[in-house]
Amino acid sequence: MPRWLTTVLRLFPIVGGASLVSIVGLIAWRAIGPTDTLHAATNEIGNYLQTVGAVYSVLLAFIVYVVWGQFNEARVYIEREATALVDLYRTATGLPSGARNSIQRSLGEYVDAVIGAEWHAMAKHDEAAIEHVGLKLDEVWVAIHRCQPVGVCQELMYSEALSRFNDVNDLRTNRLTSARFRIPLTLKFLLYNGAVILVGSMFLVHIESLWLHCVVTSSLTGALAHILYLIHDLDDAFTGNLQVGPAPFERARDSFGRVARLLASEQATG
């Protein structure tokens, strides 16, 4: 199923349901509310609603900016980690054959573990599984540490391999940190509670026409529901509908295969 269709199917019930609830609540309020009193306090209610709306809009804009920035950072970390893995794999080709084979084999196992196990573990916050995948990266370090370079060229490649490994390790840490970060519960409560207050405040506005009052209130409710859904989805970059996928690691695995085939071809012709 296309992602856009999945998004529509998930979003429509939320936005439509919230708008419908707001209409039902508005009709019930107009039936029992003190209409005359509200009509007399139109100016005061307008000033109150303007203040509440301005404060809440600033809060929403700030949260959207933060979660969108963190979502993009997660994508950048993944791309950079995958690129660093490919660089390390290629750099290892300049090391002694025994160390090269161990490093490249361990890198392949690490990438397979990230795609097959760690991605689901990040979505489920399974720290035990994440730690287990981290052991695969430790095996790469052990293979590099055991390497005994011979000659100036291999010493340079060994130094480069150490640098690339440190880059991979740092970027992995950044990726896992972005997977663990969430909007604090108190801030979530403020977001949802503020939306309820803002929609409820629309009930107090005196509008003679029922259908116009319903349209205004339901439109505001639907817009808020849409924004809150977006915040919730972006807050978890690895489980939401807009989740970051492991495609960069899959491309890295393909690059490993191409490099291995080239090496095998050179050895055969040599």
C-alpha atoms as a PDB file:
ATOM      1  CA  MET A   1       0.000   0.000   0.000  1.00  0.00           C
ATOM      2  CA  PRO A   2       1.438   3.443  -0.918  1.00  0.00           C
ATOM      3  CA  ARG A   3       2.615   5.515   2.027  1.00  0.00           C
ATOM      4  CA  TRP A   4       0.367   8.454   1.101  1.00  0.00           C
ATOM      5  CA  LEU A   5      -2.662   6.180   1.211  1.00  0.00           C
ATOM      6  CA  THR A   6      -1.618   4.759   4.576  1.00  0.00           C
ATOM      7  CA  THR A   7      -1.227   8.292   5.891  1.00  0.00           C
ATOM      8  CA  VAL A   8      -4.704   9.273   4.686  1.00  0.00           C
ATOM      9  CA  LEU A   9      -6.290   6.154   6.194  1.00  0.00           C
ATOM     10  CA  ARG A  10      -4.654   6.841   9.555  1.00  0.00           C
ATOM     11  CA  LEU A  11      -5.208  10.574   9.555  1.00  0.00           C
ATOM     12  CA  PHE A  12      -8.806  10.768   8.320  1.00  0.00           C
ATOM     13  CA  PRO A  13     -10.408   8.944  11.293  1.00  0.00           C
ATOM     14  CA  ILE A  14      -8.469  11.098  13.758  1.00  0.00           C
ATOM     15  CA  VAL A  15      -9.254  14.436  12.134  1.00  0.00           C
ATOM     16  CA  GLY A  16     -12.810  13.484  11.223  1.00  0.00           C
ATOM     17  CA  GLY A  17     -13.528  11.939  14.622  1.00  0.00           C
ATOM     18  CA  ALA A  18     -12.192  14.946  16.520  1.00  0.00           C
ATOM     19  CA  SER A  19     -14.214  17.329  14.344  1.00  0.00           C
ATOM     20  CA  LEU A  20     -17.368  15.269  14.842  1.00  0.00           C
ATOM     21  CA  VAL A  21     -16.908  15.195  18.610  1.00  0.00           C
ATOM     22  CA  SER A  22     -16.454  18.965  18.655  1.00  0.00           C
ATOM     23  CA  ILE A  23     -19.704  19.431  16.693  1.00  0.00           C
ATOM     24  CA  VAL A  24     -21.645  17.162  19.045  1.00  0.00           C
ATOM     25  CA  GLY A  25     -20.195  18.959  22.061  1.00  0.00           C
ATOM     26  CA  LEU A  26     -21.025  22.353  20.565  1.00  0.00           C
ATOM     27  CA  ILE A  27     -24.640  21.415  19.848  1.00  0.00           C
ATOM     28  CA  ALA A  28     -25.032  20.105  23.385  1.00  0.00           C
ATOM     29  CA  TRP A  29     -23.485  23.262  24.830  1.00  0.00           C
ATOM     30  CA  ARG A  30     -25.715  25.571  22.813  1.00  0.00           C
ATOM     31  CA  ALA A  31     -28.717  23.662  24.085  1.00  0.00           C
ATOM     32  CA  ILE A  32     -27.862  24.119  27.765  1.00  0.00           C
ATOM     33  CA  GLY A  33     -25.420  27.057  27.849  1.00  0.00           C
ATOM     34  CA  PRO A  34     -26.258  30.586  29.049  1.00  0.00           C
ATOM     35  CA  THR A  35     -26.642  32.178  25.603  1.00  0.00           C
ATOM     36  CA  ASP A  36     -27.625  35.625  26.826  1.00  0.00           C
ATOM     37  CA  THR A  37     -24.706  35.866  29.226  1.00  0.00           C
ATOM     38  CA  LEU A  38     -22.234  34.818  26.543  1.00  0.00           C
ATOM     39  CA  HIS A  39     -23.686  37.308  24.086  1.00  0.00           C
ATOM     40  CA  ALA A  40     -23.217  40.111  26.609  1.00  0.00           C
ATOM     41  CA  ALA A  41     -19.579  39.116  27.182  1.00  0.00           C
ATOM     42  CA  THR A  42     -18.623  38.856  23.500  1.00  0.00           C
ATOM     43  CA  ASN A  43     -15.749  41.344  23.733  1.00  0.00           C
ATOM     44  CA  GLU A  44     -14.256  39.774  26.831  1.00  0.00           C
ATOM     45  CA  ILE A  45     -14.484  36.278  25.357  1.00  0.00           C
ATOM     46  CA  GLY A  46     -12.878  37.490  22.144  1.00  0.00           C
ATOM     47  CA  ASN A  47      -9.937  38.967  24.023  1.00  0.00           C
ATOM     48  CA  TYR A  48      -9.559  35.794  26.073  1.00  0.00           C
ATOM     49  CA  LEU A  49      -9.685  33.574  22.995  1.00  0.00           C
ATOM     50  CA  GLN A  50      -7.140  35.721  21.192  1.00  0.00           C
ATOM     51  CA  THR A  51      -4.712  35.429  24.101  1.00  0.00           C
ATOM     52  CA  VAL A  52      -5.169  31.676  24.511  1.00  0.00           C
ATOM     53  CA  GLY A  53      -4.869  31.106  20.777  1.00  0.00           C
ATOM     54  CA  ALA A  54      -1.692  33.147  20.496  1.00  0.00           C
ATOM     55  CA  VAL A  55       0.009  31.346  23.399  1.00  0.00           C
ATOM     56  CA  TYR A  56      -0.991  27.914  22.131  1.00  0.00           C
ATOM     57  CA  SER A  57       0.019  28.655  18.529  1.00  0.00           C
ATOM     58  CA  VAL A  58       3.501  29.650  19.688  1.00  0.00           C
ATOM     59  CA  LEU A  59       3.760  26.400  21.661  1.00  0.00           C
ATOM     60  CA  LEU A  60       2.617  24.321  18.688  1.00  0.00           C
ATOM     61  CA  ALA A  61       5.020  26.051  16.314  1.00  0.00           C
ATOM     62  CA  PHE A  62       7.914  25.462  18.710  1.00  0.00           C
ATOM     63  CA  ILE A  63       7.128  21.759  19.159  1.00  0.00           C
ATOM     64  CA  VAL A  64       6.689  21.167  15.426  1.00  0.00           C
ATOM     65  CA  TYR A  65      10.013  22.882  14.772  1.00  0.00           C
ATOM     66  CA  VAL A  66      11.771  20.745  17.391  1.00  0.00           C
ATOM     67  CA  VAL A  67      10.356  17.355  16.343  1.00  0.00           C
ATOM     68  CA  TRP A  68      10.871  18.071  12.649  1.00  0.00           C
ATOM     69  CA  GLY A  69      14.475  19.045  13.324  1.00  0.00           C
ATOM     70  CA  GLN A  70      15.079  15.888  15.346  1.00  0.00           C
ATOM     71  CA  PHE A  71      13.449  13.758  12.644  1.00  0.00           C
ATOM     72  CA  ASN A  72      15.764  15.199  10.002  1.00  0.00           C
ATOM     73  CA  GLU A  73      18.764  14.766  12.293  1.00  0.00           C
ATOM     74  CA  ALA A  74      17.915  11.075  12.656  1.00  0.00           C
ATOM     75  CA  ARG A  75      17.890  10.696   8.869  1.00  0.00           C
ATOM     76  CA  VAL A  76      21.252  12.474   8.601  1.00  0.00           C
ATOM     77  CA  TYR A  77      22.815  10.264  11.286  1.00  0.00           C
ATOM     78  CA  ILE A  78      21.657   7.134   9.472  1.00  0.00           C
ATOM     79  CA  GLU A  79      22.976   8.287   6.103  1.00  0.00           C
ATOM     80  CA  ARG A  80      26.310   9.281   7.604  1.00  0.00           C
ATOM     81  CA  GLU A  81      26.665   6.031   9.561  1.00  0.00           C
ATOM     82  CA  ALA A  82      25.959   3.960   6.457  1.00  0.00           C
ATOM     83  CA  THR A  83      28.482   6.020   4.479  1.00  0.00           C
ATOM     84  CA  ALA A  84      31.104   5.610   7.206  1.00  0.00           C
ATOM     85  CA  LEU A  85      30.531   1.843   7.186  1.00  0.00           C
ATOM     86  CA  VAL A  86      31.143   1.689   3.438  1.00  0.00           C
ATOM     87  CA  ASP A  87      34.289   3.807   3.834  1.00  0.00           C
ATOM     88  CA  LEU A  88      35.569   1.488   6.567  1.00  0.00           C
ATOM     89  CA  TYR A  89      34.818  -1.584   4.459  1.00  0.00           C
ATOM     90  CA  ARG A  90      36.748  -0.137   1.533  1.00  0.00           C
ATOM     91  CA  THR A  91      39.614   1.030   3.736  1.00  0.00           C
ATOM     92  CA  ALA A  92      39.978  -2.495   5.099  1.00  0.00           C
ATOM     93  CA  THR A  93      40.911  -3.714   1.628  1.00  0.00           C
ATOM     94  CA  GLY A  94      44.336  -2.139   2.138  1.00  0.00           C
ATOM     95  CA  LEU A  95      45.066  -4.161   5.291  1.00  0.00           C
ATOM     96  CA  PRO A  96      46.620  -7.650   5.557  1.00  0.00           C
ATOM     97  CA  SER A  97      44.330 -10.344   4.200  1.00  0.00           C
ATOM     98  CA  GLY A  98      43.568 -11.945   7.547  1.00  0.00           C
ATOM     99  CA  ALA A  99      42.561  -8.663   9.210  1.00  0.00           C
ATOM    100  CA  ARG A 100      40.755  -7.524   6.064  1.00  0.00           C
ATOM    101  CA  ASN A 101      38.591 -10.639   5.932  1.00  0.00           C
ATOM    102  CA  SER A 102      37.752 -10.431   9.648  1.00  0.00           C
ATOM    103  CA  ILE A 103      36.875  -6.732   9.498  1.00  0.00           C
ATOM    104  CA  GLN A 104      34.764  -7.022   6.372  1.00  0.00           C
ATOM    105  CA  ARG A 105      32.961 -10.115   7.620  1.00  0.00           C
ATOM    106  CA  SER A 106      32.170  -8.441  10.945  1.00  0.00           C
ATOM    107  CA  LEU A 107      30.962  -5.295   9.167  1.00  0.00           C
ATOM    108  CA  GLY A 108      28.626  -7.379   7.031  1.00  0.00           C
ATOM    109  CA  GLU A 109      27.248  -9.125  10.118  1.00  0.00           C
ATOM    110  CA  TYR A 110      26.779  -5.778  11.851  1.00  0.00           C
ATOM    111  CA  VAL A 111      24.832  -4.278   8.950  1.00  0.00           C
ATOM    112  CA  ASP A 112      22.673  -7.410   8.697  1.00  0.00           C
ATOM    113  CA  ALA A 113      21.959  -7.180  12.432  1.00  0.00           C
ATOM    114  CA  VAL A 114      21.041  -3.490  12.211  1.00  0.00           C
ATOM    115  CA  ILE A 115      18.590  -4.132   9.372  1.00  0.00           C
ATOM    116  CA  GLY A 116      17.176  -7.380  10.676  1.00  0.00           C
ATOM    117  CA  ALA A 117      17.057  -6.815  14.434  1.00  0.00           C
ATOM    118  CA  GLU A 118      18.080  -3.385  15.651  1.00  0.00           C
ATOM    119  CA  TRP A 119      15.564  -1.434  13.578  1.00  0.00           C
ATOM    120  CA  HIS A 120      12.678  -3.260  15.245  1.00  0.00           C
ATOM    121  CA  ALA A 121      14.444  -2.986  18.602  1.00  0.00           C
ATOM    122  CA  MET A 122      14.691   0.804  18.266  1.00  0.00           C
ATOM    123  CA  ALA A 123      10.972   0.971  17.500  1.00  0.00           C
ATOM    124  CA  LYS A 124      10.133  -1.158  20.537  1.00  0.00           C
ATOM    125  CA  HIS A 125      12.847   0.361  22.775  1.00  0.00           C
ATOM    126  CA  ASP A 126      14.325  -3.097  23.300  1.00  0.00           C
ATOM    127  CA  GLU A 127      17.620  -2.186  24.926  1.00  0.00           C
ATOM    128  CA  ALA A 128      18.720  -5.814  25.259  1.00  0.00           C
ATOM    129  CA  ALA A 129      18.461  -6.370  21.509  1.00  0.00           C
ATOM    130  CA  ILE A 130      20.224  -3.068  20.812  1.00  0.00           C
ATOM    131  CA  GLU A 131      23.048  -4.078  23.136  1.00  0.00           C
ATOM    132  CA  HIS A 132      23.312  -7.439  21.375  1.00  0.00           C
ATOM    133  CA  VAL A 133      23.718  -5.732  17.989  1.00  0.00           C
ATOM    134  CA  GLY A 134      26.356  -3.482  19.532  1.00  0.00           C
ATOM    135  CA  LEU A 135      28.433  -6.588  20.208  1.00  0.00           C
ATOM    136  CA  LYS A 136      28.707  -7.045  16.437  1.00  0.00           C
ATOM    137  CA  LEU A 137      30.375  -3.662  16.207  1.00  0.00           C
ATOM    138  CA  ASP A 138      32.697  -4.636  19.055  1.00  0.00           C
ATOM    139  CA  GLU A 139      33.813  -7.563  16.914  1.00  0.00           C
ATOM    140  CA  VAL A 140      34.860  -5.085  14.237  1.00  0.00           C
ATOM    141  CA  TRP A 141      36.957  -3.249  16.812  1.00  0.00           C
ATOM    142  CA  VAL A 142      38.597  -6.492  17.948  1.00  0.00           C
ATOM    143  CA  ALA A 143      39.460  -7.350  14.342  1.00  0.00           C
ATOM    144  CA  ILE A 144      40.993  -3.901  13.807  1.00  0.00           C
ATOM    145  CA  HIS A 145      42.888  -4.095  17.098  1.00  0.00           C
ATOM    146  CA  ARG A 146      44.425  -7.456  16.141  1.00  0.00           C
ATOM    147  CA  CYS A 147      45.620  -6.161  12.788  1.00  0.00           C
ATOM    148  CA  GLN A 148      49.383  -6.060  12.323  1.00  0.00           C
ATOM    149  CA  PRO A 149      50.090  -3.636   9.457  1.00  0.00           C
ATOM    150  CA  VAL A 150      53.248  -4.149   7.460  1.00  0.00           C
ATOM    151  CA  GLY A 151      54.891  -1.233   5.713  1.00  0.00           C
ATOM    152  CA  VAL A 152      54.054   2.442   5.509  1.00  0.00           C
ATOM    153  CA  CYS A 153      51.058   1.969   3.209  1.00  0.00           C
ATOM    154  CA  GLN A 154      49.309  -0.493   5.488  1.00  0.00           C
ATOM    155  CA  GLU A 155      50.093   1.635   8.533  1.00  0.00           C
ATOM    156  CA  LEU A 156      48.360   4.573   6.853  1.00  0.00           C
ATOM    157  CA  MET A 157      45.373   2.399   5.987  1.00  0.00           C
ATOM    158  CA  TYR A 158      45.288   1.083   9.557  1.00  0.00           C
ATOM    159  CA  SER A 159      45.221   4.630  10.929  1.00  0.00           C
ATOM    160  CA  GLU A 160      42.430   5.496   8.506  1.00  0.00           C
ATOM    161  CA  ALA A 161      40.487   2.388   9.542  1.00  0.00           C
ATOM    162  CA  LEU A 162      40.700   3.421  13.187  1.00  0.00           C
ATOM    163  CA  SER A 163      39.409   6.889  12.318  1.00  0.00           C
ATOM    164  CA  ARG A 164      36.518   5.460  10.281  1.00  0.00           C
ATOM    165  CA  PHE A 165      35.610   3.058  13.061  1.00  0.00           C
ATOM    166  CA  ASN A 166      35.429   5.935  15.549  1.00  0.00           C
ATOM    167  CA  ASP A 167      33.137   7.775  13.131  1.00  0.00           C
ATOM    168  CA  VAL A 168      30.860   4.739  12.871  1.00  0.00           C
ATOM    169  CA  ASN A 169      30.747   4.341  16.628  1.00  0.00           C
ATOM    170  CA  ASP A 170      29.927   8.027  17.203  1.00  0.00           C
ATOM    171  CA  LEU A 171      27.217   8.049  14.540  1.00  0.00           C
ATOM    172  CA  ARG A 172      25.682   4.869  15.945  1.00  0.00           C
ATOM    173  CA  THR A 173      25.496   6.567  19.340  1.00  0.00           C
ATOM    174  CA  ASN A 174      23.794   9.586  17.767  1.00  0.00           C
ATOM    175  CA  ARG A 175      21.293   7.341  15.969  1.00  0.00           C
ATOM    176  CA  LEU A 176      20.391   5.462  19.125  1.00  0.00           C
ATOM    177  CA  THR A 177      20.085   8.699  21.076  1.00  0.00           C
ATOM    178  CA  SER A 178      17.642  10.072  18.516  1.00  0.00           C
ATOM    179  CA  ALA A 179      15.653   6.831  18.763  1.00  0.00           C
ATOM    180  CA  ARG A 180      15.388   7.159  22.551  1.00  0.00           C
ATOM    181  CA  PHE A 181      14.433  10.843  22.688  1.00  0.00           C
ATOM    182  CA  ARG A 182      10.751  11.646  23.236  1.00  0.00           C
ATOM    183  CA  ILE A 183       8.676  14.688  24.090  1.00  0.00           C
ATOM    184  CA  PRO A 184       8.342  14.743  27.911  1.00  0.00           C
ATOM    185  CA  LEU A 185       5.023  13.502  29.265  1.00  0.00           C
ATOM    186  CA  THR A 186       4.262  16.834  30.952  1.00  0.00           C
ATOM    187  CA  LEU A 187       4.738  18.639  27.650  1.00  0.00           C
ATOM    188  CA  LYS A 188       2.448  16.168  25.892  1.00  0.00           C
ATOM    189  CA  PHE A 189      -0.175  16.804  28.548  1.00  0.00           C
ATOM    190  CA  LEU A 190       0.172  20.536  27.968  1.00  0.00           C
ATOM    191  CA  LEU A 191      -0.259  20.063  24.208  1.00  0.00           C
ATOM    192  CA  TYR A 192      -3.421  17.956  24.442  1.00  0.00           C
ATOM    193  CA  ASN A 193      -4.890  19.888  27.348  1.00  0.00           C
ATOM    194  CA  GLY A 194      -4.258  23.156  25.517  1.00  0.00           C
ATOM    195  CA  ALA A 195      -6.056  21.828  22.436  1.00  0.00           C
ATOM    196  CA  VAL A 196      -9.094  20.865  24.528  1.00  0.00           C
ATOM    197  CA  ILE A 197      -9.146  24.283  26.192  1.00  0.00           C
ATOM    198  CA  LEU A 198      -8.866  26.087  22.868  1.00  0.00           C
ATOM    199  CA  VAL A 199     -11.657  24.077  21.246  1.00  0.00           C
ATOM    200  CA  GLY A 200     -13.796  24.409  24.357  1.00  0.00           C
ATOM    201  CA  SER A 201     -13.271  28.147  24.291  1.00  0.00           C
ATOM    202  CA  MET A 202     -14.813  28.232  20.835  1.00  0.00           C
ATOM    203  CA  PHE A 203     -18.068  27.061  22.427  1.00  0.00           C
ATOM    204  CA  LEU A 204     -18.175  30.342  24.341  1.00  0.00           C
ATOM    205  CA  VAL A 205     -18.064  32.472  21.197  1.00  0.00           C
ATOM    206  CA  HIS A 206     -21.495  33.855  20.350  1.00  0.00           C
ATOM    207  CA  ILE A 207     -22.384  33.062  16.718  1.00  0.00           C
ATOM    208  CA  GLU A 208     -26.051  33.242  15.796  1.00  0.00           C
ATOM    209  CA  SER A 209     -25.888  30.683  13.002  1.00  0.00           C
ATOM    210  CA  LEU A 210     -25.522  27.115  14.297  1.00  0.00           C
ATOM    211  CA  TRP A 211     -24.044  25.762  11.080  1.00  0.00           C
ATOM    212  CA  LEU A 212     -21.473  28.553  10.907  1.00  0.00           C
ATOM    213  CA  HIS A 213     -20.522  27.969  14.537  1.00  0.00           C
ATOM    214  CA  CYS A 214     -20.134  24.266  13.789  1.00  0.00           C
ATOM    215  CA  VAL A 215     -17.988  24.920  10.727  1.00  0.00           C
ATOM    216  CA  VAL A 216     -15.651  27.275  12.579  1.00  0.00           C
ATOM    217  CA  THR A 217     -15.309  24.996  15.591  1.00  0.00           C
ATOM    218  CA  SER A 218     -14.881  21.761  13.633  1.00  0.00           C
ATOM    219  CA  SER A 219     -12.336  23.364  11.292  1.00  0.00           C
ATOM    220  CA  LEU A 220     -10.222  24.506  14.219  1.00  0.00           C
ATOM    221  CA  THR A 221     -10.547  21.093  15.847  1.00  0.00           C
ATOM    222  CA  GLY A 222      -9.560  19.268  12.676  1.00  0.00           C
ATOM    223  CA  ALA A 223      -6.528  21.493  12.165  1.00  0.00           C
ATOM    224  CA  LEU A 224      -5.374  20.945  15.749  1.00  0.00           C
ATOM    225  CA  ALA A 225      -5.918  17.190  15.456  1.00  0.00           C
ATOM    226  CA  HIS A 226      -3.858  17.146  12.271  1.00  0.00           C
ATOM    227  CA  ILE A 227      -0.984  19.057  13.871  1.00  0.00           C
ATOM    228  CA  LEU A 228      -1.023  16.904  17.002  1.00  0.00           C
ATOM    229  CA  TYR A 229      -0.986  13.753  14.859  1.00  0.00           C
ATOM    230  CA  LEU A 230       2.020  15.134  12.976  1.00  0.00           C
ATOM    231  CA  ILE A 231       3.835  15.900  16.232  1.00  0.00           C
ATOM    232  CA  HIS A 232       3.095  12.421  17.573  1.00  0.00           C
ATOM    233  CA  ASP A 233       4.294  10.809  14.335  1.00  0.00           C
ATOM    234  CA  LEU A 234       7.503  12.806  14.034  1.00  0.00           C
ATOM    235  CA  ASP A 235       8.309  12.376  17.720  1.00  0.00           C
ATOM    236  CA  ASP A 236       9.198   8.735  17.077  1.00  0.00           C
ATOM    237  CA  ALA A 237      11.304   8.646  13.929  1.00  0.00           C
ATOM    238  CA  PHE A 238      11.462   4.841  13.867  1.00  0.00           C
ATOM    239  CA  THR A 239       7.851   3.772  14.425  1.00  0.00           C
ATOM    240  CA  GLY A 240       5.612   6.507  13.016  1.00  0.00           C
ATOM    241  CA  ASN A 241       3.984   6.564   9.608  1.00  0.00           C
ATOM    242  CA  LEU A 242       6.764   8.908   8.454  1.00  0.00           C
ATOM    243  CA  GLN A 243       9.391   6.653   9.987  1.00  0.00           C
ATOM    244  CA  VAL A 244      12.996   6.615   8.865  1.00  0.00           C
ATOM    245  CA  GLY A 245      13.733   3.335   7.129  1.00  0.00           C
ATOM    246  CA  PRO A 246      16.952   1.283   6.941  1.00  0.00           C
ATOM    247  CA  ALA A 247      17.420   1.961   3.213  1.00  0.00           C
ATOM    248  CA  PRO A 248      20.888   3.562   3.708  1.00  0.00           C
ATOM    249  CA  PHE A 249      22.096   0.399   5.438  1.00  0.00           C
ATOM    250  CA  GLU A 250      20.635  -1.731   2.664  1.00  0.00           C
ATOM    251  CA  ARG A 251      22.572   0.350   0.146  1.00  0.00           C
ATOM    252  CA  ALA A 252      25.686  -0.062   2.289  1.00  0.00           C
ATOM    253  CA  ARG A 253      25.209  -3.830   2.232  1.00  0.00           C
ATOM    254  CA  ASP A 254      24.935  -3.714  -1.552  1.00  0.00           C
ATOM    255  CA  SER A 255      28.162  -1.692  -1.662  1.00  0.00           C
ATOM    256  CA  PHE A 256      29.868  -4.362   0.452  1.00  0.00           C
ATOM    257  CA  GLY A 257      28.870  -6.946  -2.114  1.00  0.00           C
ATOM    258  CA  ARG A 258      30.193  -4.892  -5.019  1.00  0.00           C
ATOM    259  CA  VAL A 259      33.535  -4.319  -3.298  1.00  0.00           C
ATOM    260  CA  ALA A 260      33.832  -8.016  -2.456  1.00  0.00           C
ATOM    261  CA  ARG A 261      33.129  -8.999  -6.063  1.00  0.00           C
ATOM    262  CA  LEU A 262      35.731  -6.529  -7.349  1.00  0.00           C
ATOM    263  CA  LEU A 263      38.332  -7.908  -4.952  1.00  0.00           C
ATOM    264  CA  ALA A 264      37.521 -11.455  -5.973  1.00  0.00           C
ATOM    265  CA  SER A 265      37.792 -10.490  -9.643  1.00  0.00           C
ATOM    266  CA  GLU A 266      41.190  -8.842  -9.116  1.00  0.00           C
ATOM    267  CA  GLN A 267      42.479 -11.841  -7.208  1.00  0.00           C
ATOM    268  CA  ALA A 268      41.279 -14.184  -9.946  1.00  0.00           C
ATOM    269  CA  THR A 269      42.965 -12.178 -12.698  1.00  0.00           C
ATOM    270  CA  GLY A 270      46.063 -11.666 -10.584  1.00  0.00           C
END
